Amino acid sequence: MLRMYVREAQRLTLSQDEPGMSAETERDGAQAGAPVPAVLWYDLISPTPHEVKHVEHDLGIAVPTRDEMEEIELSARLYQEDGGEFMTVTALSKLDGDEPMKTPVTFILKGATLVTVRYADPKPFALFTARALRVNAHSYSHGEEVMLGILESVVDRMADVLERIGNEIDMISREVFRSKTGSSTKKTSNLQSLIEQLGQKGDFLSSVRESLVSISRMVAYHAAVETSGRKVAKEVRQMVKLLQRDTVSLGDHATFLSGKINFLLDATLGLINLEQNQIIKIFTVASVVFLPPTMVASIYGMNFQAMPELSWVLGYPWALFVMFLSAAGPFYYFKRRGWL
């Protein structure tokens, strides 16, 4: 899909022209008194070869393929070619769930025109487009401003996601340290479930941090590029600096949340070990408590002929009393020592 946006009435507008419109048709329209505004933003969404060729013909550039966009080398993601600036970032889609999908998004700046190439539909693009097409929206006169506006929407979306993850981590923390489950088995099962949740949050944060790092690199590269004859407006410079600060601060916050997750993982594993040790201790104490009665029972269970207690009338109650006393003694001792 190819969407083309032009600047009309001091705001961004979706062009109604077909992607395959030829240059002759555009000139005919212009000669007929209908001036054709220049395209400010080409948005390629899972484009067909015909749509890619249309953009390449209009701007004189080579649009990178999906395989080229997925390369992780810095030289393959940030470079200049054919008078254009090519920048690829790792974006995230499906952020409302627990399993975000990473997808590369390429921004191409050629003169005042922006080209975006993507094979997914991250929500920030739809939010930015809806905001930019409003009647009283910001006036975009350059593709660079559109690119920075999209990146600002992406960063805002990341901030919302990090806030949600932080709240969910706080809820897990309360479950870990303030659980009042009576059953030991049920409590251990709950802790194991919390470990799975923490693992999901850790993977989620790794994806967010990777995306923030790629955006930070892109913004730094764009700020460092010196294009001959290009005058950067003060507002654009401020937007670039703001994006750099936001990505750095959000990256630090994601690092903090990752450290909190690691702490909770260690604490949860420690609590599980304590529960298991408690069970083993109970079995150990029980075996020690019942060891003396077992010895008494084994003594009186021997079949020697000369055993005075065998012919004693009170022999059986006496043996039971001795077994009970030998079991109560260790139990009382362990209780006094606080081992039970």
C-alpha atoms as a PDB file:
ATOM      1  CA  MET A   1       0.000   0.000   0.000  1.00  0.00           C
ATOM      2  CA  LEU A   2       1.224   3.477  -0.874  1.00  0.00           C
ATOM      3  CA  ARG A   3      -0.192   6.562   0.800  1.00  0.00           C
ATOM      4  CA  MET A   4       0.914   9.953  -0.395  1.00  0.00           C
ATOM      5  CA  TYR A   5       0.515  13.072   1.727  1.00  0.00           C
ATOM      6  CA  VAL A   6       0.755  16.598   0.381  1.00  0.00           C
ATOM      7  CA  ARG A   7       0.696  20.012   2.000  1.00  0.00           C
ATOM      8  CA  GLU A   8      -2.503  21.876   1.308  1.00  0.00           C
ATOM      9  CA  ALA A   9      -4.016  24.806   3.178  1.00  0.00           C
ATOM     10  CA  GLN A  10      -1.035  24.870   5.541  1.00  0.00           C
ATOM     11  CA  ARG A  11      -1.633  21.315   6.749  1.00  0.00           C
ATOM     12  CA  LEU A  12      -0.960  17.717   5.794  1.00  0.00           C
ATOM     13  CA  THR A  13      -3.527  16.146   3.481  1.00  0.00           C
ATOM     14  CA  LEU A  14      -3.889  12.672   2.023  1.00  0.00           C
ATOM     15  CA  SER A  15      -3.430  12.851  -1.734  1.00  0.00           C
ATOM     16  CA  GLN A  16      -6.189  11.409  -3.884  1.00  0.00           C
ATOM     17  CA  ASP A  17      -3.877  10.833  -6.859  1.00  0.00           C
ATOM     18  CA  GLU A  18      -3.214   7.300  -7.960  1.00  0.00           C
ATOM     19  CA  PRO A  19       0.349   6.030  -7.400  1.00  0.00           C
ATOM     20  CA  GLY A  20       0.667   5.181 -11.060  1.00  0.00           C
ATOM     21  CA  MET A  21      -0.068   8.675 -12.316  1.00  0.00           C
ATOM     22  CA  SER A  22       2.488   9.607 -14.920  1.00  0.00           C
ATOM     23  CA  ALA A  23       4.439  12.827 -15.104  1.00  0.00           C
ATOM     24  CA  GLU A  24       2.566  13.761 -18.326  1.00  0.00           C
ATOM     25  CA  THR A  25      -0.756  13.447 -16.498  1.00  0.00           C
ATOM     26  CA  GLU A  26       0.501  15.676 -13.717  1.00  0.00           C
ATOM     27  CA  ARG A  27       1.699  18.274 -16.228  1.00  0.00           C
ATOM     28  CA  ASP A  28      -1.635  18.148 -18.033  1.00  0.00           C
ATOM     29  CA  GLY A  29      -3.401  18.753 -14.744  1.00  0.00           C
ATOM     30  CA  ALA A  30      -1.140  21.659 -13.964  1.00  0.00           C
ATOM     31  CA  GLN A  31      -1.695  23.165 -17.463  1.00  0.00           C
ATOM     32  CA  ALA A  32      -5.440  22.777 -17.004  1.00  0.00           C
ATOM     33  CA  GLY A  33      -5.296  25.132 -14.065  1.00  0.00           C
ATOM     34  CA  ALA A  34      -5.200  22.533 -11.306  1.00  0.00           C
ATOM     35  CA  PRO A  35      -1.766  22.814  -9.707  1.00  0.00           C
ATOM     36  CA  VAL A  36      -0.505  19.503  -8.407  1.00  0.00           C
ATOM     37  CA  PRO A  37       1.094  19.925  -4.957  1.00  0.00           C
ATOM     38  CA  ALA A  38       4.369  18.192  -4.316  1.00  0.00           C
ATOM     39  CA  VAL A  39       4.209  15.056  -2.251  1.00  0.00           C
ATOM     40  CA  LEU A  40       5.603  15.682   1.211  1.00  0.00           C
ATOM     41  CA  TRP A  41       5.409  12.116   2.565  1.00  0.00           C
ATOM     42  CA  TYR A  42       5.345   8.753   0.812  1.00  0.00           C
ATOM     43  CA  ASP A  43       4.184   6.050   3.229  1.00  0.00           C
ATOM     44  CA  LEU A  44       4.969   2.564   1.900  1.00  0.00           C
ATOM     45  CA  ILE A  45       3.178  -0.181   3.862  1.00  0.00           C
ATOM     46  CA  SER A  46       4.106  -3.702   2.691  1.00  0.00           C
ATOM     47  CA  PRO A  47       4.582  -2.163  -0.768  1.00  0.00           C
ATOM     48  CA  THR A  48       4.217  -3.914  -4.083  1.00  0.00           C
ATOM     49  CA  PRO A  49       7.059  -3.730  -6.651  1.00  0.00           C
ATOM     50  CA  HIS A  50       4.969  -1.276  -8.701  1.00  0.00           C
ATOM     51  CA  GLU A  51       4.602   1.089  -5.737  1.00  0.00           C
ATOM     52  CA  VAL A  52       8.307   0.894  -4.946  1.00  0.00           C
ATOM     53  CA  LYS A  53       9.206   1.718  -8.551  1.00  0.00           C
ATOM     54  CA  HIS A  54       6.821   4.673  -8.469  1.00  0.00           C
ATOM     55  CA  VAL A  55       8.598   6.193  -5.456  1.00  0.00           C
ATOM     56  CA  GLU A  56      12.041   5.405  -6.857  1.00  0.00           C
ATOM     57  CA  HIS A  57      11.081   7.098 -10.147  1.00  0.00           C
ATOM     58  CA  ASP A  58       9.730  10.215  -8.415  1.00  0.00           C
ATOM     59  CA  LEU A  59      12.719  10.729  -6.097  1.00  0.00           C
ATOM     60  CA  GLY A  60      15.568   9.036  -7.940  1.00  0.00           C
ATOM     61  CA  ILE A  61      16.497   6.751  -5.054  1.00  0.00           C
ATOM     62  CA  ALA A  62      16.735   3.011  -4.433  1.00  0.00           C
ATOM     63  CA  VAL A  63      14.272   1.927  -1.750  1.00  0.00           C
ATOM     64  CA  PRO A  64      15.859  -0.791   0.436  1.00  0.00           C
ATOM     65  CA  THR A  65      14.294  -4.235   0.417  1.00  0.00           C
ATOM     66  CA  ARG A  66      12.920  -5.935   3.505  1.00  0.00           C
ATOM     67  CA  ASP A  67      16.035  -8.115   3.848  1.00  0.00           C
ATOM     68  CA  GLU A  68      18.241  -5.030   3.683  1.00  0.00           C
ATOM     69  CA  MET A  69      16.112  -3.304   6.324  1.00  0.00           C
ATOM     70  CA  GLU A  70      16.491  -6.240   8.713  1.00  0.00           C
ATOM     71  CA  GLU A  71      20.297  -6.135   8.668  1.00  0.00           C
ATOM     72  CA  ILE A  72      21.729  -5.080  12.007  1.00  0.00           C
ATOM     73  CA  GLU A  73      24.996  -3.538  10.799  1.00  0.00           C
ATOM     74  CA  LEU A  74      25.110   0.176  11.540  1.00  0.00           C
ATOM     75  CA  SER A  75      26.396   0.912   8.039  1.00  0.00           C
ATOM     76  CA  ALA A  76      23.339  -0.844   6.570  1.00  0.00           C
ATOM     77  CA  ARG A  77      20.903   1.101   8.727  1.00  0.00           C
ATOM     78  CA  LEU A  78      22.317   4.626   8.687  1.00  0.00           C
ATOM     79  CA  TYR A  79      23.819   5.873   5.444  1.00  0.00           C
ATOM     80  CA  GLN A  80      23.568   8.444   2.653  1.00  0.00           C
ATOM     81  CA  GLU A  81      22.969   7.533  -0.969  1.00  0.00           C
ATOM     82  CA  ASP A  82      21.724   9.312  -4.101  1.00  0.00           C
ATOM     83  CA  GLY A  83      21.444  12.563  -2.189  1.00  0.00           C
ATOM     84  CA  GLY A  84      19.123  11.000   0.352  1.00  0.00           C
ATOM     85  CA  GLU A  85      19.438  10.141   4.014  1.00  0.00           C
ATOM     86  CA  PHE A  86      18.523   6.516   4.833  1.00  0.00           C
ATOM     87  CA  MET A  87      17.760   5.649   8.455  1.00  0.00           C
ATOM     88  CA  THR A  88      16.299   2.385   9.755  1.00  0.00           C
ATOM     89  CA  VAL A  89      15.020   1.825  13.289  1.00  0.00           C
ATOM     90  CA  THR A  90      13.550  -1.137  15.118  1.00  0.00           C
ATOM     91  CA  ALA A  91       9.916  -0.357  15.869  1.00  0.00           C
ATOM     92  CA  LEU A  92       7.439  -2.336  17.956  1.00  0.00           C
ATOM     93  CA  SER A  93       3.870  -3.249  17.165  1.00  0.00           C
ATOM     94  CA  LYS A  94       1.196  -5.080  19.186  1.00  0.00           C
ATOM     95  CA  LEU A  95       2.305  -3.291  22.338  1.00  0.00           C
ATOM     96  CA  ASP A  96      -1.093  -3.709  23.965  1.00  0.00           C
ATOM     97  CA  GLY A  97      -0.397  -7.417  24.528  1.00  0.00           C
ATOM     98  CA  ASP A  98       2.409  -9.274  26.272  1.00  0.00           C
ATOM     99  CA  GLU A  99       4.268 -10.303  23.115  1.00  0.00           C
ATOM    100  CA  PRO A 100       5.316  -7.262  21.049  1.00  0.00           C
ATOM    101  CA  MET A 101       6.501  -7.767  17.497  1.00  0.00           C
ATOM    102  CA  LYS A 102       9.728  -6.150  16.335  1.00  0.00           C
ATOM    103  CA  THR A 103       9.693  -4.731  12.833  1.00  0.00           C
ATOM    104  CA  PRO A 104      12.159  -2.527  10.928  1.00  0.00           C
ATOM    105  CA  VAL A 105      11.005   0.884   9.716  1.00  0.00           C
ATOM    106  CA  THR A 106      13.080   2.883   7.249  1.00  0.00           C
ATOM    107  CA  PHE A 107      12.972   6.685   6.988  1.00  0.00           C
ATOM    108  CA  ILE A 108      14.320   8.231   3.797  1.00  0.00           C
ATOM    109  CA  LEU A 109      14.821  11.980   3.541  1.00  0.00           C
ATOM    110  CA  LYS A 110      15.352  13.313   0.017  1.00  0.00           C
ATOM    111  CA  GLY A 111      15.213  17.082  -0.075  1.00  0.00           C
ATOM    112  CA  ALA A 112      11.949  18.136   1.536  1.00  0.00           C
ATOM    113  CA  THR A 113      10.307  14.748   0.959  1.00  0.00           C
ATOM    114  CA  LEU A 114      10.034  11.893   3.433  1.00  0.00           C
ATOM    115  CA  VAL A 115       9.609   8.224   2.554  1.00  0.00           C
ATOM    116  CA  THR A 116       8.714   5.624   5.194  1.00  0.00           C
ATOM    117  CA  VAL A 117       8.979   1.921   4.433  1.00  0.00           C
ATOM    118  CA  ARG A 118       7.399  -0.566   6.825  1.00  0.00           C
ATOM    119  CA  TYR A 119       5.928  -4.048   6.828  1.00  0.00           C
ATOM    120  CA  ALA A 120       3.737  -3.644   9.889  1.00  0.00           C
ATOM    121  CA  ASP A 121       1.376  -0.982  11.185  1.00  0.00           C
ATOM    122  CA  PRO A 122       2.638   0.287  14.550  1.00  0.00           C
ATOM    123  CA  LYS A 123       0.035   2.306  16.403  1.00  0.00           C
ATOM    124  CA  PRO A 124       2.138   5.533  16.576  1.00  0.00           C
ATOM    125  CA  PHE A 125       1.856   5.926  12.798  1.00  0.00           C
ATOM    126  CA  ALA A 126      -1.943   5.875  12.971  1.00  0.00           C
ATOM    127  CA  LEU A 127      -1.935   8.259  15.948  1.00  0.00           C
ATOM    128  CA  PHE A 128       0.397  10.710  14.202  1.00  0.00           C
ATOM    129  CA  THR A 129      -1.580  10.577  10.952  1.00  0.00           C
ATOM    130  CA  ALA A 130      -4.884  11.197  12.730  1.00  0.00           C
ATOM    131  CA  ARG A 131      -3.366  14.143  14.585  1.00  0.00           C
ATOM    132  CA  ALA A 132      -1.631  15.596  11.510  1.00  0.00           C
ATOM    133  CA  LEU A 133      -4.773  15.482   9.330  1.00  0.00           C
ATOM    134  CA  ARG A 134      -6.868  17.553  11.715  1.00  0.00           C
ATOM    135  CA  VAL A 135      -8.032  20.953  10.581  1.00  0.00           C
ATOM    136  CA  ASN A 136      -6.141  22.820  13.308  1.00  0.00           C
ATOM    137  CA  ALA A 137      -3.109  20.539  13.182  1.00  0.00           C
ATOM    138  CA  HIS A 138       0.525  21.616  13.111  1.00  0.00           C
ATOM    139  CA  SER A 139       1.689  22.959   9.762  1.00  0.00           C
ATOM    140  CA  TYR A 140       4.258  20.573   8.272  1.00  0.00           C
ATOM    141  CA  SER A 141       6.339  22.180   5.535  1.00  0.00           C
ATOM    142  CA  HIS A 142       9.225  19.708   5.377  1.00  0.00           C
ATOM    143  CA  GLY A 143       9.548  15.926   5.422  1.00  0.00           C
ATOM    144  CA  GLU A 144      11.995  16.233   8.296  1.00  0.00           C
ATOM    145  CA  GLU A 145       9.261  17.699  10.480  1.00  0.00           C
ATOM    146  CA  VAL A 146       6.980  14.783   9.581  1.00  0.00           C
ATOM    147  CA  MET A 147       9.724  12.294  10.470  1.00  0.00           C
ATOM    148  CA  LEU A 148      10.371  13.942  13.815  1.00  0.00           C
ATOM    149  CA  GLY A 149       6.633  14.019  14.496  1.00  0.00           C
ATOM    150  CA  ILE A 150       6.389  10.274  13.838  1.00  0.00           C
ATOM    151  CA  LEU A 151       9.377   9.586  16.078  1.00  0.00           C
ATOM    152  CA  GLU A 152       7.827  11.736  18.787  1.00  0.00           C
ATOM    153  CA  SER A 153       4.667   9.612  18.606  1.00  0.00           C
ATOM    154  CA  VAL A 154       6.768   6.448  18.804  1.00  0.00           C
ATOM    155  CA  VAL A 155       8.635   7.724  21.869  1.00  0.00           C
ATOM    156  CA  ASP A 156       5.385   8.806  23.541  1.00  0.00           C
ATOM    157  CA  ARG A 157       4.003   5.328  22.918  1.00  0.00           C
ATOM    158  CA  MET A 158       7.131   3.811  24.486  1.00  0.00           C
ATOM    159  CA  ALA A 159       6.676   6.041  27.533  1.00  0.00           C
ATOM    160  CA  ASP A 160       3.088   4.840  27.969  1.00  0.00           C
ATOM    161  CA  VAL A 161       4.200   1.223  27.610  1.00  0.00           C
ATOM    162  CA  LEU A 162       6.990   1.641  30.179  1.00  0.00           C
ATOM    163  CA  GLU A 163       4.508   3.218  32.594  1.00  0.00           C
ATOM    164  CA  ARG A 164       2.160   0.259  32.159  1.00  0.00           C
ATOM    165  CA  ILE A 165       4.963  -2.259  32.629  1.00  0.00           C
ATOM    166  CA  GLY A 166       6.121  -0.407  35.739  1.00  0.00           C
ATOM    167  CA  ASN A 167       2.638  -0.626  37.266  1.00  0.00           C
ATOM    168  CA  GLU A 168       2.422  -4.336  36.438  1.00  0.00           C
ATOM    169  CA  ILE A 169       5.832  -4.941  38.007  1.00  0.00           C
ATOM    170  CA  ASP A 170       4.647  -3.157  41.173  1.00  0.00           C
ATOM    171  CA  MET A 171       1.620  -5.477  41.307  1.00  0.00           C
ATOM    172  CA  ILE A 172       3.900  -8.513  40.937  1.00  0.00           C
ATOM    173  CA  SER A 173       6.134  -7.133  43.702  1.00  0.00           C
ATOM    174  CA  ARG A 174       3.159  -6.948  46.061  1.00  0.00           C
ATOM    175  CA  GLU A 175       2.240 -10.523  45.162  1.00  0.00           C
ATOM    176  CA  VAL A 176       5.780 -11.688  45.904  1.00  0.00           C
ATOM    177  CA  PHE A 177       6.325  -9.990  49.261  1.00  0.00           C
ATOM    178  CA  ARG A 178       2.787  -9.734  50.624  1.00  0.00           C
ATOM    179  CA  SER A 179       1.261 -13.031  49.639  1.00  0.00           C
ATOM    180  CA  LYS A 180      -0.963 -14.507  52.378  1.00  0.00           C
ATOM    181  CA  THR A 181      -1.642 -17.879  50.797  1.00  0.00           C
ATOM    182  CA  GLY A 182      -1.963 -20.466  53.561  1.00  0.00           C
ATOM    183  CA  SER A 183      -1.083 -23.609  51.630  1.00  0.00           C
ATOM    184  CA  SER A 184       2.630 -24.045  51.024  1.00  0.00           C
ATOM    185  CA  THR A 185       2.026 -25.935  47.793  1.00  0.00           C
ATOM    186  CA  LYS A 186      -0.340 -23.251  46.506  1.00  0.00           C
ATOM    187  CA  LYS A 187       2.080 -20.493  47.469  1.00  0.00           C
ATOM    188  CA  THR A 188       4.937 -22.205  45.618  1.00  0.00           C
ATOM    189  CA  SER A 189       2.697 -22.615  42.577  1.00  0.00           C
ATOM    190  CA  ASN A 190       1.813 -18.917  42.700  1.00  0.00           C
ATOM    191  CA  LEU A 191       5.475 -17.969  42.911  1.00  0.00           C
ATOM    192  CA  GLN A 192       6.278 -20.115  39.892  1.00  0.00           C
ATOM    193  CA  SER A 193       3.505 -18.336  37.983  1.00  0.00           C
ATOM    194  CA  LEU A 194       5.009 -14.994  39.002  1.00  0.00           C
ATOM    195  CA  ILE A 195       8.382 -16.101  37.644  1.00  0.00           C
ATOM    196  CA  GLU A 196       6.753 -16.713  34.262  1.00  0.00           C
ATOM    197  CA  GLN A 197       5.165 -13.260  34.361  1.00  0.00           C
ATOM    198  CA  LEU A 198       8.477 -11.660  35.277  1.00  0.00           C
ATOM    199  CA  GLY A 199      10.153 -13.465  32.394  1.00  0.00           C
ATOM    200  CA  GLN A 200       7.550 -12.072  29.992  1.00  0.00           C
ATOM    201  CA  LYS A 201       8.068  -8.559  31.334  1.00  0.00           C
ATOM    202  CA  GLY A 202      11.823  -8.973  30.995  1.00  0.00           C
ATOM    203  CA  ASP A 203      11.498  -9.987  27.329  1.00  0.00           C
ATOM    204  CA  PHE A 204       9.117  -7.089  26.765  1.00  0.00           C
ATOM    205  CA  LEU A 205      11.584  -4.617  28.281  1.00  0.00           C
ATOM    206  CA  SER A 206      14.429  -6.032  26.181  1.00  0.00           C
ATOM    207  CA  SER A 207      12.439  -5.300  23.028  1.00  0.00           C
ATOM    208  CA  VAL A 208      11.602  -1.784  24.243  1.00  0.00           C
ATOM    209  CA  ARG A 209      15.233  -1.051  25.083  1.00  0.00           C
ATOM    210  CA  GLU A 210      16.382  -2.334  21.698  1.00  0.00           C
ATOM    211  CA  SER A 211      13.885  -0.055  19.968  1.00  0.00           C
ATOM    212  CA  LEU A 212      14.887   2.954  22.071  1.00  0.00           C
ATOM    213  CA  VAL A 213      18.577   2.367  21.338  1.00  0.00           C
ATOM    214  CA  SER A 214      17.917   2.223  17.596  1.00  0.00           C
ATOM    215  CA  ILE A 215      15.861   5.447  17.737  1.00  0.00           C
ATOM    216  CA  SER A 216      18.572   7.155  19.776  1.00  0.00           C
ATOM    217  CA  ARG A 217      21.213   6.147  17.218  1.00  0.00           C
ATOM    218  CA  MET A 218      19.064   7.366  14.374  1.00  0.00           C
ATOM    219  CA  VAL A 219      18.394  10.764  15.970  1.00  0.00           C
ATOM    220  CA  ALA A 220      22.075  11.187  16.818  1.00  0.00           C
ATOM    221  CA  TYR A 221      23.059  10.284  13.261  1.00  0.00           C
ATOM    222  CA  HIS A 222      20.492  12.654  11.780  1.00  0.00           C
ATOM    223  CA  ALA A 223      21.689  15.491  14.024  1.00  0.00           C
ATOM    224  CA  ALA A 224      25.300  14.866  13.003  1.00  0.00           C
ATOM    225  CA  VAL A 225      24.677  14.756   9.251  1.00  0.00           C
ATOM    226  CA  GLU A 226      25.754  17.918   7.517  1.00  0.00           C
ATOM    227  CA  THR A 227      23.893  18.400   4.262  1.00  0.00           C
ATOM    228  CA  SER A 228      25.099  21.162   1.992  1.00  0.00           C
ATOM    229  CA  GLY A 229      22.620  23.982   1.583  1.00  0.00           C
ATOM    230  CA  ARG A 230      20.327  22.737   4.333  1.00  0.00           C
ATOM    231  CA  LYS A 231      19.155  25.234   6.884  1.00  0.00           C
ATOM    232  CA  VAL A 232      17.763  23.645   9.996  1.00  0.00           C
ATOM    233  CA  ALA A 233      15.017  25.629  11.680  1.00  0.00           C
ATOM    234  CA  LYS A 234      15.247  26.384  15.373  1.00  0.00           C
ATOM    235  CA  GLU A 235      12.065  24.422  16.054  1.00  0.00           C
ATOM    236  CA  VAL A 236      13.493  21.353  14.318  1.00  0.00           C
ATOM    237  CA  ARG A 237      16.715  21.563  16.333  1.00  0.00           C
ATOM    238  CA  GLN A 238      14.678  21.737  19.519  1.00  0.00           C
ATOM    239  CA  MET A 239      12.631  18.701  18.480  1.00  0.00           C
ATOM    240  CA  VAL A 240      15.821  16.740  17.789  1.00  0.00           C
ATOM    241  CA  LYS A 241      17.289  17.648  21.178  1.00  0.00           C
ATOM    242  CA  LEU A 242      14.020  16.787  22.899  1.00  0.00           C
ATOM    243  CA  LEU A 243      13.916  13.396  21.194  1.00  0.00           C
ATOM    244  CA  GLN A 244      17.493  12.698  22.236  1.00  0.00           C
ATOM    245  CA  ARG A 245      16.734  13.556  25.858  1.00  0.00           C
ATOM    246  CA  ASP A 246      13.514  11.532  25.850  1.00  0.00           C
ATOM    247  CA  THR A 247      15.130   8.399  24.394  1.00  0.00           C
ATOM    248  CA  VAL A 248      17.998   8.598  26.890  1.00  0.00           C
ATOM    249  CA  SER A 249      15.674   9.096  29.870  1.00  0.00           C
ATOM    250  CA  LEU A 250      13.334   6.323  28.743  1.00  0.00           C
ATOM    251  CA  GLY A 251      16.304   4.025  28.189  1.00  0.00           C
ATOM    252  CA  ASP A 252      17.465   4.728  31.749  1.00  0.00           C
ATOM    253  CA  HIS A 253      13.965   4.032  33.046  1.00  0.00           C
ATOM    254  CA  ALA A 254      13.821   0.754  31.098  1.00  0.00           C
ATOM    255  CA  THR A 255      17.190  -0.192  32.607  1.00  0.00           C
ATOM    256  CA  PHE A 256      15.824   0.564  36.080  1.00  0.00           C
ATOM    257  CA  LEU A 257      12.776  -1.634  35.448  1.00  0.00           C
ATOM    258  CA  SER A 258      15.027  -4.425  34.169  1.00  0.00           C
ATOM    259  CA  GLY A 259      17.043  -4.236  37.385  1.00  0.00           C
ATOM    260  CA  LYS A 260      13.819  -4.381  39.395  1.00  0.00           C
ATOM    261  CA  ILE A 261      12.743  -7.468  37.466  1.00  0.00           C
ATOM    262  CA  ASN A 262      16.077  -9.162  38.180  1.00  0.00           C
ATOM    263  CA  PHE A 263      15.681  -8.336  41.873  1.00  0.00           C
ATOM    264  CA  LEU A 264      12.163  -9.789  41.927  1.00  0.00           C
ATOM    265  CA  LEU A 265      13.355 -12.902  40.121  1.00  0.00           C
ATOM    266  CA  ASP A 266      16.076 -13.441  42.722  1.00  0.00           C
ATOM    267  CA  ALA A 267      13.623 -12.766  45.554  1.00  0.00           C
ATOM    268  CA  THR A 268      11.019 -15.140  44.112  1.00  0.00           C
ATOM    269  CA  LEU A 269      13.555 -17.914  43.647  1.00  0.00           C
ATOM    270  CA  GLY A 270      14.747 -17.318  47.207  1.00  0.00           C
ATOM    271  CA  LEU A 271      11.211 -17.619  48.558  1.00  0.00           C
ATOM    272  CA  ILE A 272      10.677 -20.838  46.638  1.00  0.00           C
ATOM    273  CA  ASN A 273      13.915 -22.213  48.094  1.00  0.00           C
ATOM    274  CA  LEU A 274      12.767 -21.216  51.579  1.00  0.00           C
ATOM    275  CA  GLU A 275       9.463 -23.033  51.083  1.00  0.00           C
ATOM    276  CA  GLN A 276      11.236 -26.136  49.855  1.00  0.00           C
ATOM    277  CA  ASN A 277      13.732 -25.994  52.729  1.00  0.00           C
ATOM    278  CA  GLN A 278      10.845 -25.678  55.163  1.00  0.00           C
ATOM    279  CA  ILE A 279       9.283 -28.859  53.780  1.00  0.00           C
ATOM    280  CA  ILE A 280      12.596 -30.711  53.941  1.00  0.00           C
ATOM    281  CA  LYS A 281      13.111 -29.471  57.526  1.00  0.00           C
ATOM    282  CA  ILE A 282       9.707 -30.817  58.557  1.00  0.00           C
ATOM    283  CA  PHE A 283      10.538 -34.231  57.137  1.00  0.00           C
ATOM    284  CA  THR A 284      13.943 -34.175  58.832  1.00  0.00           C
ATOM    285  CA  VAL A 285      12.497 -33.241  62.225  1.00  0.00           C
ATOM    286  CA  ALA A 286       9.752 -35.871  61.860  1.00  0.00           C
ATOM    287  CA  SER A 287      12.320 -38.571  61.118  1.00  0.00           C
ATOM    288  CA  VAL A 288      14.427 -37.536  64.139  1.00  0.00           C
ATOM    289  CA  VAL A 289      11.351 -37.395  66.427  1.00  0.00           C
ATOM    290  CA  PHE A 290      10.213 -40.899  65.458  1.00  0.00           C
ATOM    291  CA  LEU A 291      13.668 -42.426  65.567  1.00  0.00           C
ATOM    292  CA  PRO A 292      13.768 -43.088  69.385  1.00  0.00           C
ATOM    293  CA  PRO A 293      10.259 -44.707  69.445  1.00  0.00           C
ATOM    294  CA  THR A 294      11.332 -46.883  66.561  1.00  0.00           C
ATOM    295  CA  MET A 295      14.393 -47.966  68.521  1.00  0.00           C
ATOM    296  CA  VAL A 296      12.268 -48.816  71.578  1.00  0.00           C
ATOM    297  CA  ALA A 297       9.810 -50.760  69.464  1.00  0.00           C
ATOM    298  CA  SER A 298      12.632 -52.655  67.773  1.00  0.00           C
ATOM    299  CA  ILE A 299      14.152 -53.569  71.155  1.00  0.00           C
ATOM    300  CA  TYR A 300      10.900 -55.024  72.448  1.00  0.00           C
ATOM    301  CA  GLY A 301      10.258 -56.641  69.124  1.00  0.00           C
ATOM    302  CA  MET A 302      13.295 -58.921  69.473  1.00  0.00           C
ATOM    303  CA  ASN A 303      12.483 -62.599  70.083  1.00  0.00           C
ATOM    304  CA  PHE A 304      14.942 -63.396  72.814  1.00  0.00           C
ATOM    305  CA  GLN A 305      13.710 -65.982  75.314  1.00  0.00           C
ATOM    306  CA  ALA A 306      15.120 -64.247  78.425  1.00  0.00           C
ATOM    307  CA  MET A 307      13.338 -60.866  78.281  1.00  0.00           C
ATOM    308  CA  PRO A 308      11.785 -59.939  81.672  1.00  0.00           C
ATOM    309  CA  GLU A 309       9.251 -57.498  80.129  1.00  0.00           C
ATOM    310  CA  LEU A 310       7.650 -60.233  77.997  1.00  0.00           C
ATOM    311  CA  SER A 311       6.060 -61.831  81.074  1.00  0.00           C
ATOM    312  CA  TRP A 312       5.337 -58.494  82.768  1.00  0.00           C
ATOM    313  CA  VAL A 313       1.649 -57.511  82.966  1.00  0.00           C
ATOM    314  CA  LEU A 314       2.403 -53.809  82.517  1.00  0.00           C
ATOM    315  CA  GLY A 315       5.034 -54.416  79.807  1.00  0.00           C
ATOM    316  CA  TYR A 316       2.880 -53.283  76.886  1.00  0.00           C
ATOM    317  CA  PRO A 317       1.731 -49.965  78.472  1.00  0.00           C
ATOM    318  CA  TRP A 318       5.276 -49.389  79.665  1.00  0.00           C
ATOM    319  CA  ALA A 319       6.656 -49.799  76.134  1.00  0.00           C
ATOM    320  CA  LEU A 320       4.035 -47.387  74.777  1.00  0.00           C
ATOM    321  CA  PHE A 321       4.867 -44.863  77.498  1.00  0.00           C
ATOM    322  CA  VAL A 322       8.590 -45.078  76.775  1.00  0.00           C
ATOM    323  CA  MET A 323       7.998 -44.649  73.024  1.00  0.00           C
ATOM    324  CA  PHE A 324       5.790 -41.610  73.640  1.00  0.00           C
ATOM    325  CA  LEU A 325       8.304 -40.090  76.041  1.00  0.00           C
ATOM    326  CA  SER A 326      11.216 -40.670  73.647  1.00  0.00           C
ATOM    327  CA  ALA A 327       9.258 -38.927  70.873  1.00  0.00           C
ATOM    328  CA  ALA A 328       8.032 -36.016  73.045  1.00  0.00           C
ATOM    329  CA  GLY A 329      11.525 -35.232  74.320  1.00  0.00           C
ATOM    330  CA  PRO A 330      13.084 -34.355  70.913  1.00  0.00           C
ATOM    331  CA  PHE A 331       9.881 -32.594  69.819  1.00  0.00           C
ATOM    332  CA  TYR A 332       9.933 -30.361  72.907  1.00  0.00           C
ATOM    333  CA  TYR A 333      13.650 -29.665  72.393  1.00  0.00           C
ATOM    334  CA  PHE A 334      13.170 -28.640  68.756  1.00  0.00           C
ATOM    335  CA  LYS A 335      10.227 -26.467  69.740  1.00  0.00           C
ATOM    336  CA  ARG A 336      12.282 -24.644  72.375  1.00  0.00           C
ATOM    337  CA  ARG A 337      15.062 -24.015  69.880  1.00  0.00           C
ATOM    338  CA  GLY A 338      12.604 -22.564  67.369  1.00  0.00           C
ATOM    339  CA  TRP A 339      13.244 -25.170  64.688  1.00  0.00           C
ATOM    340  CA  LEU A 340       9.528 -25.909  64.294  1.00  0.00           C
END
